[in-house]
Amino acid sequence: MKIIVLIKQVPDTEEERKLDTSTGLLDREAGDRIADEITERALEVALRHKDGNKGSEVVVLTMGPLPAKEALRKALSMGADSAVHVVDERLEGADMALTAAVLAAAAKRTGFDLIIAGNESTDGRGGVVPAMVAEHLGLPLLPSLNSVEITEVSVRGEAALDIGSLTVSAELPALMSVTEWAAEARFPNFKGIISAKRKHVETLSLADIDLDSAATTTTPVLTTSQRPARTAGKKIVDDGTAAQELAEFLADRNLL
């Protein structure tokens, strides 16, 4: 079985994330860049299957600028077999629609039986890219799974709902996304770090995935502004009218 795992490099969630107010794009130089934890958990799901099925192959795929290769190298040190990196200057500021189209084209070129993604990245938080990739490829989508069972011919998992849980399954090929409950990512060991240096990373351009002539326009950002500083909350002293004041406070903000 050949499994593709979608990896994304994001700003460190422990630091403040900033937009470049002149372009509206993420300021990638404002802090450290790391592999998104949710995509590492997706990789762990694939690696656990590989651990029990030695004939399986795990390929990590990302789209991003040159430094994004660091996230791929970490994935290789965790146990992935090879990596694919789509990098092209025309992809700067790509929105979710363009990102999904590129990832789908790269996955199709690479070949796969199963694609695994995180349910949403920690920078954009859109949560729709896995579904958009599945649509491009005509695949069944199993979204936001908390538990996963992979066989040679199918995938099955459980997704949490507001009113309970839902068990879903699909025959391969398929695409699934996982939540933080699905798996806890392993740490690379010394052997993995050394072996990662010898593993192949394929670098692709838009021309390589047959999107050279495709439209690469992105969603325009019209205005940007800094988030206002937090202000102190309103204190209500109970002098017999606290309940009324609280109700009015909530009603004014359409919270009732």
C-alpha atoms as a PDB file:
ATOM      1  CA  MET A   1       0.000   0.000   0.000  1.00  0.00           C
ATOM      2  CA  LYS A   2       1.204   3.505  -0.846  1.00  0.00           C
ATOM      3  CA  ILE A   3       0.105   6.224   1.559  1.00  0.00           C
ATOM      4  CA  ILE A   4       0.560   9.948   0.952  1.00  0.00           C
ATOM      5  CA  VAL A   5       0.525  12.182   4.026  1.00  0.00           C
ATOM      6  CA  LEU A   6      -0.044  15.916   3.566  1.00  0.00           C
ATOM      7  CA  ILE A   7       2.480  17.882   5.633  1.00  0.00           C
ATOM      8  CA  LYS A   8       2.414  21.634   6.283  1.00  0.00           C
ATOM      9  CA  GLN A   9       4.967  24.012   7.731  1.00  0.00           C
ATOM     10  CA  VAL A  10       3.396  26.700   9.932  1.00  0.00           C
ATOM     11  CA  PRO A  11       4.531  29.446  12.313  1.00  0.00           C
ATOM     12  CA  ASP A  12       5.309  28.143  15.788  1.00  0.00           C
ATOM     13  CA  THR A  13       2.048  28.111  17.719  1.00  0.00           C
ATOM     14  CA  GLU A  14       3.931  29.122  20.884  1.00  0.00           C
ATOM     15  CA  GLU A  15       4.775  32.477  19.309  1.00  0.00           C
ATOM     16  CA  GLU A  16       2.625  35.350  18.112  1.00  0.00           C
ATOM     17  CA  ARG A  17       1.646  34.974  14.486  1.00  0.00           C
ATOM     18  CA  LYS A  18       1.631  38.090  12.344  1.00  0.00           C
ATOM     19  CA  LEU A  19       0.419  39.284   8.962  1.00  0.00           C
ATOM     20  CA  ASP A  20       2.427  41.561   6.726  1.00  0.00           C
ATOM     21  CA  THR A  21       0.060  44.551   6.708  1.00  0.00           C
ATOM     22  CA  SER A  22       1.386  45.729   3.331  1.00  0.00           C
ATOM     23  CA  THR A  23       0.525  42.474   1.523  1.00  0.00           C
ATOM     24  CA  GLY A  24      -1.964  40.744   3.797  1.00  0.00           C
ATOM     25  CA  LEU A  25       0.183  37.610   3.694  1.00  0.00           C
ATOM     26  CA  LEU A  26       1.576  35.648   6.595  1.00  0.00           C
ATOM     27  CA  ASP A  27       4.868  37.058   7.843  1.00  0.00           C
ATOM     28  CA  ARG A  28       6.991  33.906   7.756  1.00  0.00           C
ATOM     29  CA  GLU A  29      10.034  35.702   9.129  1.00  0.00           C
ATOM     30  CA  ALA A  30       8.287  36.878  12.300  1.00  0.00           C
ATOM     31  CA  GLY A  31       9.031  33.654  14.192  1.00  0.00           C
ATOM     32  CA  ASP A  32      10.173  30.064  13.972  1.00  0.00           C
ATOM     33  CA  ARG A  33       8.673  27.688  11.427  1.00  0.00           C
ATOM     34  CA  ILE A  34       7.670  24.154  12.435  1.00  0.00           C
ATOM     35  CA  ALA A  35       5.812  21.185  11.023  1.00  0.00           C
ATOM     36  CA  ASP A  36       2.157  21.500  11.958  1.00  0.00           C
ATOM     37  CA  GLU A  37       1.398  19.134  14.828  1.00  0.00           C
ATOM     38  CA  ILE A  38      -1.855  17.920  13.289  1.00  0.00           C
ATOM     39  CA  THR A  39      -0.029  16.830  10.115  1.00  0.00           C
ATOM     40  CA  GLU A  40       2.535  14.984  12.243  1.00  0.00           C
ATOM     41  CA  ARG A  41      -0.362  13.130  13.861  1.00  0.00           C
ATOM     42  CA  ALA A  42      -1.610  12.241  10.373  1.00  0.00           C
ATOM     43  CA  LEU A  43       1.873  10.912   9.624  1.00  0.00           C
ATOM     44  CA  GLU A  44       1.798   8.850  12.823  1.00  0.00           C
ATOM     45  CA  VAL A  45      -1.394   7.142  11.635  1.00  0.00           C
ATOM     46  CA  ALA A  46       0.382   6.164   8.415  1.00  0.00           C
ATOM     47  CA  LEU A  47       3.535   5.025  10.230  1.00  0.00           C
ATOM     48  CA  ARG A  48       1.579   2.830  12.640  1.00  0.00           C
ATOM     49  CA  HIS A  49       0.025   1.071   9.669  1.00  0.00           C
ATOM     50  CA  LYS A  50       3.464   0.690   8.096  1.00  0.00           C
ATOM     51  CA  ASP A  51       4.848  -0.760  11.349  1.00  0.00           C
ATOM     52  CA  GLY A  52       2.402  -3.628  11.098  1.00  0.00           C
ATOM     53  CA  ASN A  53       2.502  -3.933   7.312  1.00  0.00           C
ATOM     54  CA  LYS A  54       6.111  -3.916   6.163  1.00  0.00           C
ATOM     55  CA  GLY A  55       5.267  -3.726   2.483  1.00  0.00           C
ATOM     56  CA  SER A  56       3.637  -0.319   2.906  1.00  0.00           C
ATOM     57  CA  GLU A  57       5.222   2.888   1.624  1.00  0.00           C
ATOM     58  CA  VAL A  58       4.707   6.325   3.203  1.00  0.00           C
ATOM     59  CA  VAL A  59       5.320   9.465   1.128  1.00  0.00           C
ATOM     60  CA  VAL A  60       5.034  12.938   2.648  1.00  0.00           C
ATOM     61  CA  LEU A  61       3.851  15.790   0.418  1.00  0.00           C
ATOM     62  CA  THR A  62       3.934  19.525   0.974  1.00  0.00           C
ATOM     63  CA  MET A  63       3.502  22.760  -0.960  1.00  0.00           C
ATOM     64  CA  GLY A  64       5.455  25.775   0.219  1.00  0.00           C
ATOM     65  CA  PRO A  65       8.603  27.886  -0.065  1.00  0.00           C
ATOM     66  CA  LEU A  66      12.088  26.396   0.144  1.00  0.00           C
ATOM     67  CA  PRO A  67      12.250  26.343   3.981  1.00  0.00           C
ATOM     68  CA  ALA A  68       9.255  23.983   4.000  1.00  0.00           C
ATOM     69  CA  LYS A  69      11.730  21.223   3.166  1.00  0.00           C
ATOM     70  CA  GLU A  70      12.701  21.304   6.861  1.00  0.00           C
ATOM     71  CA  ALA A  71       9.262  19.929   7.749  1.00  0.00           C
ATOM     72  CA  LEU A  72       9.707  17.169   5.176  1.00  0.00           C
ATOM     73  CA  ARG A  73      13.114  16.238   6.594  1.00  0.00           C
ATOM     74  CA  LYS A  74      11.613  15.878  10.056  1.00  0.00           C
ATOM     75  CA  ALA A  75       8.865  13.657   8.626  1.00  0.00           C
ATOM     76  CA  LEU A  76      11.527  11.512   6.968  1.00  0.00           C
ATOM     77  CA  SER A  77      13.381  11.215  10.276  1.00  0.00           C
ATOM     78  CA  MET A  78      10.148  10.025  11.901  1.00  0.00           C
ATOM     79  CA  GLY A  79       9.938   7.157   9.422  1.00  0.00           C
ATOM     80  CA  ALA A  80       8.468   8.332   6.100  1.00  0.00           C
ATOM     81  CA  ASP A  81      10.127   6.692   3.074  1.00  0.00           C
ATOM     82  CA  SER A  82      10.330   9.660   0.702  1.00  0.00           C
ATOM     83  CA  ALA A  83       9.057  13.186   0.209  1.00  0.00           C
ATOM     84  CA  VAL A  84       7.590  15.428  -2.488  1.00  0.00           C
ATOM     85  CA  HIS A  85       7.953  19.217  -2.306  1.00  0.00           C
ATOM     86  CA  VAL A  86       5.992  21.480  -4.656  1.00  0.00           C
ATOM     87  CA  VAL A  87       7.706  24.869  -4.775  1.00  0.00           C
ATOM     88  CA  ASP A  88       7.099  27.608  -7.326  1.00  0.00           C
ATOM     89  CA  GLU A  89       7.327  31.383  -6.903  1.00  0.00           C
ATOM     90  CA  ARG A  90       3.903  31.729  -8.526  1.00  0.00           C
ATOM     91  CA  LEU A  91       2.385  29.975  -5.503  1.00  0.00           C
ATOM     92  CA  GLU A  92       3.277  32.741  -3.071  1.00  0.00           C
ATOM     93  CA  GLY A  93       0.139  33.688  -1.164  1.00  0.00           C
ATOM     94  CA  ALA A  94      -1.840  30.758  -2.571  1.00  0.00           C
ATOM     95  CA  ASP A  95      -5.357  30.488  -1.151  1.00  0.00           C
ATOM     96  CA  MET A  96      -7.093  27.252  -0.174  1.00  0.00           C
ATOM     97  CA  ALA A  97      -8.539  26.670  -3.654  1.00  0.00           C
ATOM     98  CA  LEU A  98      -5.160  26.906  -5.368  1.00  0.00           C
ATOM     99  CA  THR A  99      -3.456  24.914  -2.605  1.00  0.00           C
ATOM    100  CA  ALA A 100      -5.955  22.067  -2.988  1.00  0.00           C
ATOM    101  CA  ALA A 101      -5.558  22.010  -6.759  1.00  0.00           C
ATOM    102  CA  VAL A 102      -1.766  21.822  -6.486  1.00  0.00           C
ATOM    103  CA  LEU A 103      -1.770  19.133  -3.798  1.00  0.00           C
ATOM    104  CA  ALA A 104      -4.247  17.049  -5.788  1.00  0.00           C
ATOM    105  CA  ALA A 105      -2.151  17.311  -8.965  1.00  0.00           C
ATOM    106  CA  ALA A 106       1.032  16.389  -7.098  1.00  0.00           C
ATOM    107  CA  ALA A 107      -0.663  13.431  -5.408  1.00  0.00           C
ATOM    108  CA  LYS A 108      -2.005  12.189  -8.749  1.00  0.00           C
ATOM    109  CA  ARG A 109       1.488  12.374 -10.259  1.00  0.00           C
ATOM    110  CA  THR A 110       3.010  10.538  -7.283  1.00  0.00           C
ATOM    111  CA  GLY A 111       0.388   7.803  -7.117  1.00  0.00           C
ATOM    112  CA  PHE A 112      -1.310   6.509  -3.981  1.00  0.00           C
ATOM    113  CA  ASP A 113      -3.790   4.135  -2.420  1.00  0.00           C
ATOM    114  CA  LEU A 114      -4.654   6.394   0.520  1.00  0.00           C
ATOM    115  CA  ILE A 115      -4.151  10.075   1.385  1.00  0.00           C
ATOM    116  CA  ILE A 116      -4.080  11.175   5.034  1.00  0.00           C
ATOM    117  CA  ALA A 117      -4.305  14.799   6.181  1.00  0.00           C
ATOM    118  CA  GLY A 118      -4.875  16.732   9.373  1.00  0.00           C
ATOM    119  CA  ASN A 119      -8.413  18.024   9.763  1.00  0.00           C
ATOM    120  CA  GLU A 120      -7.302  21.695   9.864  1.00  0.00           C
ATOM    121  CA  SER A 121      -4.013  23.568  10.016  1.00  0.00           C
ATOM    122  CA  THR A 122      -3.125  25.725  12.997  1.00  0.00           C
ATOM    123  CA  ASP A 123      -2.495  28.824  10.885  1.00  0.00           C
ATOM    124  CA  GLY A 124      -5.441  29.030   8.488  1.00  0.00           C
ATOM    125  CA  ARG A 125      -7.988  26.936  10.460  1.00  0.00           C
ATOM    126  CA  GLY A 126     -10.179  26.671   7.361  1.00  0.00           C
ATOM    127  CA  GLY A 127     -10.558  22.895   7.606  1.00  0.00           C
ATOM    128  CA  VAL A 128     -11.703  22.476   3.987  1.00  0.00           C
ATOM    129  CA  VAL A 129      -8.522  21.633   2.060  1.00  0.00           C
ATOM    130  CA  PRO A 130      -8.847  17.835   2.574  1.00  0.00           C
ATOM    131  CA  ALA A 131     -12.377  17.924   1.158  1.00  0.00           C
ATOM    132  CA  MET A 132     -11.258  20.068  -1.785  1.00  0.00           C
ATOM    133  CA  VAL A 133      -8.370  17.709  -2.592  1.00  0.00           C
ATOM    134  CA  ALA A 134     -10.761  14.754  -2.450  1.00  0.00           C
ATOM    135  CA  GLU A 135     -13.123  16.545  -4.839  1.00  0.00           C
ATOM    136  CA  HIS A 136     -10.315  17.213  -7.332  1.00  0.00           C
ATOM    137  CA  LEU A 137      -9.324  13.543  -7.269  1.00  0.00           C
ATOM    138  CA  GLY A 138     -12.850  12.123  -7.186  1.00  0.00           C
ATOM    139  CA  LEU A 139     -12.173  10.305  -3.912  1.00  0.00           C
ATOM    140  CA  PRO A 140     -14.454   9.395  -1.021  1.00  0.00           C
ATOM    141  CA  LEU A 141     -13.691  11.579   2.015  1.00  0.00           C
ATOM    142  CA  LEU A 142     -13.665  10.399   5.619  1.00  0.00           C
ATOM    143  CA  PRO A 143     -13.358  13.654   7.592  1.00  0.00           C
ATOM    144  CA  SER A 144     -12.100  14.450  11.099  1.00  0.00           C
ATOM    145  CA  LEU A 145     -11.602  10.917  12.367  1.00  0.00           C
ATOM    146  CA  ASN A 146     -10.777  10.333  16.024  1.00  0.00           C
ATOM    147  CA  SER A 147      -9.847   6.688  15.437  1.00  0.00           C
ATOM    148  CA  VAL A 148      -8.691   4.899  12.309  1.00  0.00           C
ATOM    149  CA  GLU A 149      -8.525   1.334  11.022  1.00  0.00           C
ATOM    150  CA  ILE A 150      -6.688   0.752   7.733  1.00  0.00           C
ATOM    151  CA  THR A 151      -6.732  -2.504   5.758  1.00  0.00           C
ATOM    152  CA  GLU A 152      -5.330  -3.348   2.343  1.00  0.00           C
ATOM    153  CA  VAL A 153      -8.661  -2.618   0.680  1.00  0.00           C
ATOM    154  CA  SER A 154     -10.484  -0.121   2.887  1.00  0.00           C
ATOM    155  CA  VAL A 155     -10.322   2.465   5.646  1.00  0.00           C
ATOM    156  CA  ARG A 156     -12.685   2.852   8.553  1.00  0.00           C
ATOM    157  CA  GLY A 157     -12.928   5.319  11.429  1.00  0.00           C
ATOM    158  CA  GLU A 158     -15.038   7.121  13.973  1.00  0.00           C
ATOM    159  CA  ALA A 159     -15.868  10.824  13.863  1.00  0.00           C
ATOM    160  CA  ALA A 160     -17.274  12.705  16.840  1.00  0.00           C
ATOM    161  CA  LEU A 161     -20.514  14.655  16.394  1.00  0.00           C
ATOM    162  CA  ASP A 162     -22.314  17.069  18.708  1.00  0.00           C
ATOM    163  CA  ILE A 163     -24.898  14.407  19.469  1.00  0.00           C
ATOM    164  CA  GLY A 164     -22.648  11.338  19.517  1.00  0.00           C
ATOM    165  CA  SER A 165     -20.309   9.648  17.053  1.00  0.00           C
ATOM    166  CA  LEU A 166     -20.462   8.363  13.503  1.00  0.00           C
ATOM    167  CA  THR A 167     -18.637   5.324  12.102  1.00  0.00           C
ATOM    168  CA  VAL A 168     -17.687   5.738   8.440  1.00  0.00           C
ATOM    169  CA  SER A 169     -15.839   3.561   5.960  1.00  0.00           C
ATOM    170  CA  ALA A 170     -14.752   3.558   2.329  1.00  0.00           C
ATOM    171  CA  GLU A 171     -12.962   1.322  -0.121  1.00  0.00           C
ATOM    172  CA  LEU A 172      -9.542   2.443  -1.326  1.00  0.00           C
ATOM    173  CA  PRO A 173      -8.440   4.705  -2.897  1.00  0.00           C
ATOM    174  CA  ALA A 174      -9.731   7.296  -0.444  1.00  0.00           C
ATOM    175  CA  LEU A 175      -8.788  10.407   1.494  1.00  0.00           C
ATOM    176  CA  MET A 176      -9.209  10.866   5.220  1.00  0.00           C
ATOM    177  CA  SER A 177      -8.432  13.612   7.708  1.00  0.00           C
ATOM    178  CA  VAL A 178      -7.671  13.011  11.379  1.00  0.00           C
ATOM    179  CA  THR A 179      -8.056  14.988  14.571  1.00  0.00           C
ATOM    180  CA  GLU A 180      -5.661  15.379  17.495  1.00  0.00           C
ATOM    181  CA  TRP A 181      -7.363  12.357  19.107  1.00  0.00           C
ATOM    182  CA  ALA A 182      -6.279   9.964  16.366  1.00  0.00           C
ATOM    183  CA  ALA A 183      -2.605   9.510  17.316  1.00  0.00           C
ATOM    184  CA  GLU A 184       0.263  11.107  19.182  1.00  0.00           C
ATOM    185  CA  ALA A 185       3.258  11.686  16.936  1.00  0.00           C
ATOM    186  CA  ARG A 186       6.473   9.824  17.722  1.00  0.00           C
ATOM    187  CA  PHE A 187       9.810  11.553  18.254  1.00  0.00           C
ATOM    188  CA  PRO A 188      12.567  10.989  15.687  1.00  0.00           C
ATOM    189  CA  ASN A 189      15.379   8.839  17.046  1.00  0.00           C
ATOM    190  CA  PHE A 190      19.067   9.153  16.196  1.00  0.00           C
ATOM    191  CA  LYS A 191      18.905   6.414  13.576  1.00  0.00           C
ATOM    192  CA  GLY A 192      15.933   8.084  11.935  1.00  0.00           C
ATOM    193  CA  ILE A 193      17.656  11.476  11.837  1.00  0.00           C
ATOM    194  CA  ILE A 194      20.741  10.004  10.179  1.00  0.00           C
ATOM    195  CA  SER A 195      18.787   7.924   7.667  1.00  0.00           C
ATOM    196  CA  ALA A 196      16.598  10.917   6.711  1.00  0.00           C
ATOM    197  CA  LYS A 197      19.627  12.551   5.094  1.00  0.00           C
ATOM    198  CA  ARG A 198      19.799   9.726   2.571  1.00  0.00           C
ATOM    199  CA  LYS A 199      16.104   9.632   1.705  1.00  0.00           C
ATOM    200  CA  HIS A 200      14.863  11.130  -1.537  1.00  0.00           C
ATOM    201  CA  VAL A 201      13.067  14.479  -1.654  1.00  0.00           C
ATOM    202  CA  GLU A 202      11.557  15.203  -5.069  1.00  0.00           C
ATOM    203  CA  THR A 203      11.120  18.893  -5.880  1.00  0.00           C
ATOM    204  CA  LEU A 204       8.347  19.759  -8.330  1.00  0.00           C
ATOM    205  CA  SER A 205       7.273  22.954 -10.080  1.00  0.00           C
ATOM    206  CA  LEU A 206       3.851  23.792 -11.487  1.00  0.00           C
ATOM    207  CA  ALA A 207       5.083  22.622 -14.884  1.00  0.00           C
ATOM    208  CA  ASP A 208       6.021  19.226 -13.453  1.00  0.00           C
ATOM    209  CA  ILE A 209       2.438  18.622 -12.256  1.00  0.00           C
ATOM    210  CA  ASP A 210       0.838  19.927 -15.471  1.00  0.00           C
ATOM    211  CA  LEU A 211      -0.427  23.149 -13.898  1.00  0.00           C
ATOM    212  CA  ASP A 212       2.027  25.449 -15.656  1.00  0.00           C
ATOM    213  CA  SER A 213      -0.709  27.037 -17.760  1.00  0.00           C
ATOM    214  CA  ALA A 214      -3.373  26.897 -15.068  1.00  0.00           C
ATOM    215  CA  ALA A 215      -4.672  30.053 -13.425  1.00  0.00           C
ATOM    216  CA  THR A 216      -2.644  30.815 -10.309  1.00  0.00           C
ATOM    217  CA  THR A 217      -4.560  33.839  -9.107  1.00  0.00           C
ATOM    218  CA  THR A 218      -5.120  34.077  -5.390  1.00  0.00           C
ATOM    219  CA  THR A 219      -7.794  35.584  -3.192  1.00  0.00           C
ATOM    220  CA  PRO A 220      -7.049  39.331  -3.013  1.00  0.00           C
ATOM    221  CA  VAL A 221      -6.524  40.941   0.402  1.00  0.00           C
ATOM    222  CA  LEU A 222      -8.099  44.403   0.291  1.00  0.00           C
ATOM    223  CA  THR A 223      -7.236  45.721   3.744  1.00  0.00           C
ATOM    224  CA  THR A 224      -5.395  44.584   6.850  1.00  0.00           C
ATOM    225  CA  SER A 225      -5.236  45.939  10.371  1.00  0.00           C
ATOM    226  CA  GLN A 226      -3.618  45.019  13.653  1.00  0.00           C
ATOM    227  CA  ARG A 227      -5.753  43.236  16.203  1.00  0.00           C
ATOM    228  CA  PRO A 228      -6.684  45.738  18.927  1.00  0.00           C
ATOM    229  CA  ALA A 229      -5.195  45.246  22.362  1.00  0.00           C
ATOM    230  CA  ARG A 230      -7.395  43.451  24.843  1.00  0.00           C
ATOM    231  CA  THR A 231      -9.264  45.698  27.232  1.00  0.00           C
ATOM    232  CA  ALA A 232     -10.281  44.985  30.786  1.00  0.00           C
ATOM    233  CA  GLY A 233     -13.648  43.316  31.197  1.00  0.00           C
ATOM    234  CA  LYS A 234     -16.593  44.922  32.899  1.00  0.00           C
ATOM    235  CA  LYS A 235     -16.973  44.182  36.599  1.00  0.00           C
ATOM    236  CA  ILE A 236     -20.438  43.757  38.024  1.00  0.00           C
ATOM    237  CA  VAL A 237     -20.815  44.267  41.743  1.00  0.00           C
ATOM    238  CA  ASP A 238     -23.849  42.532  43.141  1.00  0.00           C
ATOM    239  CA  ASP A 239     -25.905  45.158  44.908  1.00  0.00           C
ATOM    240  CA  GLY A 240     -29.131  43.360  44.194  1.00  0.00           C
ATOM    241  CA  THR A 241     -29.234  44.172  40.464  1.00  0.00           C
ATOM    242  CA  ALA A 242     -26.346  41.943  39.248  1.00  0.00           C
ATOM    243  CA  ALA A 243     -28.639  39.459  37.498  1.00  0.00           C
ATOM    244  CA  GLN A 244     -30.351  42.251  35.558  1.00  0.00           C
ATOM    245  CA  GLU A 245     -27.022  43.866  34.598  1.00  0.00           C
ATOM    246  CA  LEU A 246     -25.615  40.517  33.430  1.00  0.00           C
ATOM    247  CA  ALA A 247     -28.687  39.808  31.328  1.00  0.00           C
ATOM    248  CA  GLU A 248     -28.486  43.252  29.710  1.00  0.00           C
ATOM    249  CA  PHE A 249     -24.745  42.814  29.075  1.00  0.00           C
ATOM    250  CA  LEU A 250     -25.344  39.518  27.261  1.00  0.00           C
ATOM    251  CA  ALA A 251     -28.362  40.829  25.374  1.00  0.00           C
ATOM    252  CA  ASP A 252     -26.423  43.845  24.083  1.00  0.00           C
ATOM    253  CA  ARG A 253     -23.930  41.458  22.517  1.00  0.00           C
ATOM    254  CA  ASN A 254     -26.584  39.140  21.083  1.00  0.00           C
ATOM    255  CA  LEU A 255     -25.460  36.346  23.395  1.00  0.00           C
ATOM    256  CA  LEU A 256     -28.934  35.546  24.659  1.00  0.00           C
END
